Amino acid sequence: MSSAKSITRKGLKFFDDETGNTTSSSNVFKSFPGLAMSQDGRHWARIEGEHDTGALFDVGSDGEWAGCLLPHHRDGIKWVKLGKIIGGGGNGASDEFGALNPRVVRNRKDGKYLMVYEGVGAGGQRSIGLAMLTDGLKNWERVQGGTVLKPSEEGWDNKEVGSPCLVQMDGNIDEWRLYYRGIGERGEVGIRMAMSEGSEIRSLRRWTGFDL
């Protein structure tokens, strides 16, 4: 089964196919969030949402911003959009053209919420950003300009990095691990890990172990 993602902003369209290639394109593919439930973790049943496709909610209208959206629910099935929480950064920022693939975690040490996301630069290049919830539900602020991990200069992930997953370790709450997708110049794709320098989540170093 194939999958595709696209992002549109400022009149430009970028197409990200399942091989990790990012190119300009006139074709924009829509994807919708769905829901499935399981009693045993093995057998799953789709739950029909209120959208006519069965999705939980619809995509935005033509020309709408690209970024991270905050939906809200009371029962896990009926969702309401509350608006944009992370959009594109300023001119020249690594996420100038928008943000996608967010993951939110709660810091067990201070109770604050952190978000890692995939930022899209002006040329379509991808990097990983970090934001912190400062108040309420929607007030997110980028940490140190947003970027915490960029493509390496000479490594196998020197083309782009993305699809971040941030984990606070059970045995040591001062240790954070970031799992991410890396893509090299020849199109090779792999999963890699970066680790925090002590409790400083804004300073990450790539782990030099094996690739998956």
Protein backbone atom coordinates (compact mmCIF):
# COMPACT_ATOMS: atom_id res chain seq x y z
CA MET A 1 0.00 0.00 0.00
CA SER A 2 1.43 3.35 -0.97
CA SER A 3 1.20 6.52 1.05
CA ALA A 4 1.98 10.15 0.36
CA LYS A 5 2.10 13.49 2.11
CA SER A 6 2.11 16.97 0.68
CA ILE A 7 2.56 20.48 1.97
CA THR A 8 1.51 23.72 0.33
CA ARG A 9 2.49 27.25 1.30
CA LYS A 10 3.23 30.51 -0.45
CA GLY A 11 2.17 29.03 -3.79
CA LEU A 12 4.71 26.20 -3.69
CA LYS A 13 3.89 22.52 -3.38
CA PHE A 14 6.21 19.76 -2.19
CA PHE A 15 5.47 16.06 -2.56
CA ASP A 16 6.97 13.56 -0.10
CA ASP A 17 6.59 9.97 -1.31
CA GLU A 18 7.20 6.82 0.70
CA THR A 19 10.81 6.57 -0.52
CA GLY A 20 11.63 9.82 1.21
CA ASN A 21 12.11 11.86 -1.96
CA THR A 22 10.94 15.46 -1.74
CA THR A 23 10.24 17.21 -5.01
CA SER A 24 8.03 19.94 -6.33
CA SER A 25 4.79 18.67 -7.79
CA SER A 26 1.46 19.81 -9.18
CA ASN A 27 -0.30 16.82 -7.59
CA VAL A 28 -1.50 17.24 -4.02
CA PHE A 29 -2.72 14.12 -2.23
CA LYS A 30 -5.19 14.36 0.62
CA SER A 31 -5.02 12.20 3.72
CA PHE A 32 -7.50 12.01 6.56
CA PRO A 33 -7.12 10.96 10.21
CA GLY A 34 -8.91 7.73 11.06
CA LEU A 35 -9.59 5.72 14.20
CA ALA A 36 -9.45 2.01 14.96
CA MET A 37 -9.96 0.23 18.28
CA SER A 38 -8.81 -3.14 19.60
CA GLN A 39 -9.56 -5.25 22.65
CA ASP A 40 -6.43 -7.38 22.42
CA GLY A 41 -3.91 -5.36 20.37
CA ARG A 42 -4.15 -7.84 17.49
CA HIS A 43 -7.64 -7.51 16.02
CA TRP A 44 -8.73 -4.03 15.04
CA ALA A 45 -12.04 -2.51 13.98
CA ARG A 46 -12.45 0.84 12.24
CA ILE A 47 -14.58 3.45 13.98
CA GLU A 48 -16.54 5.62 11.58
CA GLY A 49 -16.11 9.35 12.14
CA GLU A 50 -18.57 12.10 11.28
CA HIS A 51 -16.89 13.02 7.99
CA ASP A 52 -18.55 11.51 4.92
CA THR A 53 -15.42 9.41 4.28
CA GLY A 54 -15.53 7.97 7.79
CA ALA A 55 -12.57 10.11 8.88
CA LEU A 56 -12.50 11.95 12.20
CA PHE A 57 -12.41 15.35 10.49
CA ASP A 58 -11.80 16.94 7.10
CA VAL A 59 -8.72 18.58 5.64
CA GLY A 60 -8.44 22.36 5.55
CA SER A 61 -9.83 24.50 2.77
CA ASP A 62 -7.83 25.50 -0.32
CA GLY A 63 -5.05 27.93 0.53
CA GLU A 64 -5.25 27.24 4.24
CA TRP A 65 -2.03 27.32 6.26
CA ALA A 66 0.32 24.40 6.64
CA GLY A 67 1.29 23.56 10.19
CA CYS A 68 0.39 21.62 13.32
CA LEU A 69 -3.29 21.58 14.28
CA LEU A 70 -4.89 21.15 17.70
CA PRO A 71 -8.08 19.05 17.68
CA HIS A 72 -10.13 18.43 20.84
CA HIS A 73 -12.39 15.56 21.84
CA ARG A 74 -14.51 14.35 24.73
CA ASP A 75 -14.98 10.71 23.81
CA GLY A 76 -12.07 10.00 21.44
CA ILE A 77 -14.43 9.82 18.45
CA LYS A 78 -15.97 13.27 17.94
CA TRP A 79 -13.24 15.84 17.30
CA VAL A 80 -13.35 19.61 16.88
CA LYS A 81 -10.53 21.70 15.41
CA LEU A 82 -9.33 24.40 17.80
CA GLY A 83 -6.93 26.03 15.39
CA LYS A 84 -3.27 26.27 14.46
CA ILE A 85 -0.64 25.92 17.18
CA ILE A 86 2.59 25.77 15.14
CA GLY A 87 2.88 27.27 11.67
CA GLY A 88 5.77 28.33 9.51
CA GLY A 89 8.73 30.11 11.06
CA GLY A 90 10.24 33.38 9.94
CA ASN A 91 12.18 34.04 6.75
CA GLY A 92 15.21 31.80 6.54
CA ALA A 93 14.08 29.56 9.40
CA SER A 94 14.47 25.81 9.07
CA ASP A 95 10.67 25.53 9.34
CA GLU A 96 9.84 28.57 7.21
CA PHE A 97 7.38 26.65 5.05
CA GLY A 98 5.59 24.89 7.89
CA ALA A 99 5.58 22.07 10.42
CA LEU A 100 4.20 18.54 10.36
CA ASN A 101 4.40 15.14 12.06
CA PRO A 102 4.18 16.49 15.63
CA ARG A 103 4.55 14.37 18.75
CA VAL A 104 3.72 15.71 22.22
CA VAL A 105 5.14 14.33 25.46
CA ARG A 106 4.84 15.43 29.09
CA ASN A 107 8.07 16.03 30.98
CA ARG A 108 7.67 13.99 34.15
CA LYS A 109 10.23 16.16 35.92
CA ASP A 110 8.43 19.51 35.75
CA GLY A 111 5.04 18.60 34.27
CA LYS A 112 5.51 20.74 31.15
CA TYR A 113 4.54 19.57 27.68
CA LEU A 114 7.05 19.37 24.85
CA MET A 115 6.46 18.97 21.14
CA VAL A 116 8.89 17.69 18.55
CA TYR A 117 7.95 18.23 14.94
CA GLU A 118 9.28 18.04 11.41
CA GLY A 119 10.04 21.46 9.99
CA VAL A 120 10.04 22.24 6.26
CA GLY A 121 12.48 24.84 4.98
CA ALA A 122 12.12 27.12 1.97
CA GLY A 123 13.83 24.62 -0.33
CA GLY A 124 11.82 21.65 0.97
CA GLN A 125 14.61 20.42 3.26
CA ARG A 126 13.50 18.78 6.53
CA SER A 127 14.80 19.21 10.07
CA ILE A 128 13.47 18.52 13.57
CA GLY A 129 12.12 21.28 15.76
CA LEU A 130 11.17 21.58 19.43
CA ALA A 131 8.46 23.67 21.10
CA MET A 132 7.20 24.00 24.67
CA LEU A 133 3.67 24.65 25.90
CA THR A 134 3.75 27.82 27.97
CA ASP A 135 0.10 28.25 28.91
CA GLY A 136 -3.27 26.63 28.27
CA LEU A 137 -3.68 24.48 25.15
CA LYS A 138 -2.51 26.58 22.21
CA ASN A 139 0.40 28.73 23.39
CA TRP A 140 3.46 26.90 22.10
CA GLU A 141 6.84 28.58 21.86
CA ARG A 142 9.76 27.33 19.80
CA VAL A 143 12.80 26.39 21.87
CA GLN A 144 16.08 28.01 20.70
CA GLY A 145 14.56 29.01 17.40
CA GLY A 146 12.88 25.65 17.00
CA THR A 147 15.60 23.48 15.48
CA VAL A 148 17.22 20.80 17.62
CA LEU A 149 18.43 18.41 14.91
CA LYS A 150 19.51 19.17 11.34
CA PRO A 151 20.75 16.85 8.60
CA SER A 152 24.33 15.81 9.18
CA GLU A 153 27.13 17.14 7.00
CA GLU A 154 28.61 13.81 5.94
CA GLY A 155 26.52 11.05 7.55
CA TRP A 156 23.91 8.79 6.01
CA ASP A 157 21.19 11.30 7.06
CA ASN A 158 22.79 14.27 5.31
CA LYS A 159 19.76 15.02 3.10
CA GLU A 160 17.00 15.37 5.67
CA VAL A 161 15.73 14.25 9.07
CA GLY A 162 12.12 13.97 10.20
CA SER A 163 9.28 11.91 11.72
CA PRO A 164 10.53 12.54 15.27
CA CYS A 165 9.55 10.51 18.33
CA LEU A 166 10.74 11.89 21.69
CA VAL A 167 11.02 9.51 24.67
CA GLN A 168 11.84 10.27 28.30
CA MET A 169 13.54 7.24 29.79
CA ASP A 170 11.88 5.34 32.63
CA GLY A 171 15.07 4.62 34.53
CA ASN A 172 16.43 8.17 34.31
CA ILE A 173 14.04 11.10 33.82
CA ASP A 174 17.01 13.34 32.98
CA GLU A 175 17.73 11.25 29.87
CA TRP A 176 15.88 11.83 26.61
CA ARG A 177 16.06 9.90 23.37
CA LEU A 178 14.93 11.10 19.98
CA TYR A 179 14.12 8.49 17.35
CA TYR A 180 13.87 9.86 13.83
CA ARG A 181 13.91 9.05 10.11
CA GLY A 182 17.04 9.99 8.22
CA ILE A 183 17.55 10.19 4.46
CA GLY A 184 20.88 10.28 2.63
CA GLU A 185 21.92 11.82 -0.67
CA ARG A 186 21.40 8.56 -2.56
CA GLY A 187 17.89 8.15 -1.17
CA GLU A 188 18.75 5.58 1.49
CA VAL A 189 16.34 5.71 4.42
CA GLY A 190 16.84 4.52 7.99
CA ILE A 191 15.84 5.07 11.61
CA ARG A 192 18.37 6.62 13.92
CA MET A 193 18.56 7.77 17.52
CA ALA A 194 19.91 10.91 19.17
CA MET A 195 20.46 11.33 22.90
CA SER A 196 20.29 14.34 25.19
CA GLU A 197 23.42 15.76 26.76
CA GLY A 198 22.45 15.10 30.36
CA SER A 199 19.05 16.65 31.10
CA GLU A 200 19.49 19.33 28.40
CA ILE A 201 16.97 18.28 25.78
CA ARG A 202 17.98 21.17 23.51
CA SER A 203 21.40 19.60 23.04
CA LEU A 204 21.22 16.27 21.21
CA ARG A 205 24.01 14.08 19.91
CA ARG A 206 23.59 11.32 17.38
CA TRP A 207 24.08 7.81 18.69
CA THR A 208 26.80 6.03 16.72
CA GLY A 209 25.47 2.49 17.14
CA PHE A 210 23.68 0.31 14.63
CA ASP A 211 21.04 1.42 12.12
CA LEU A 212 17.60 -0.15 11.82
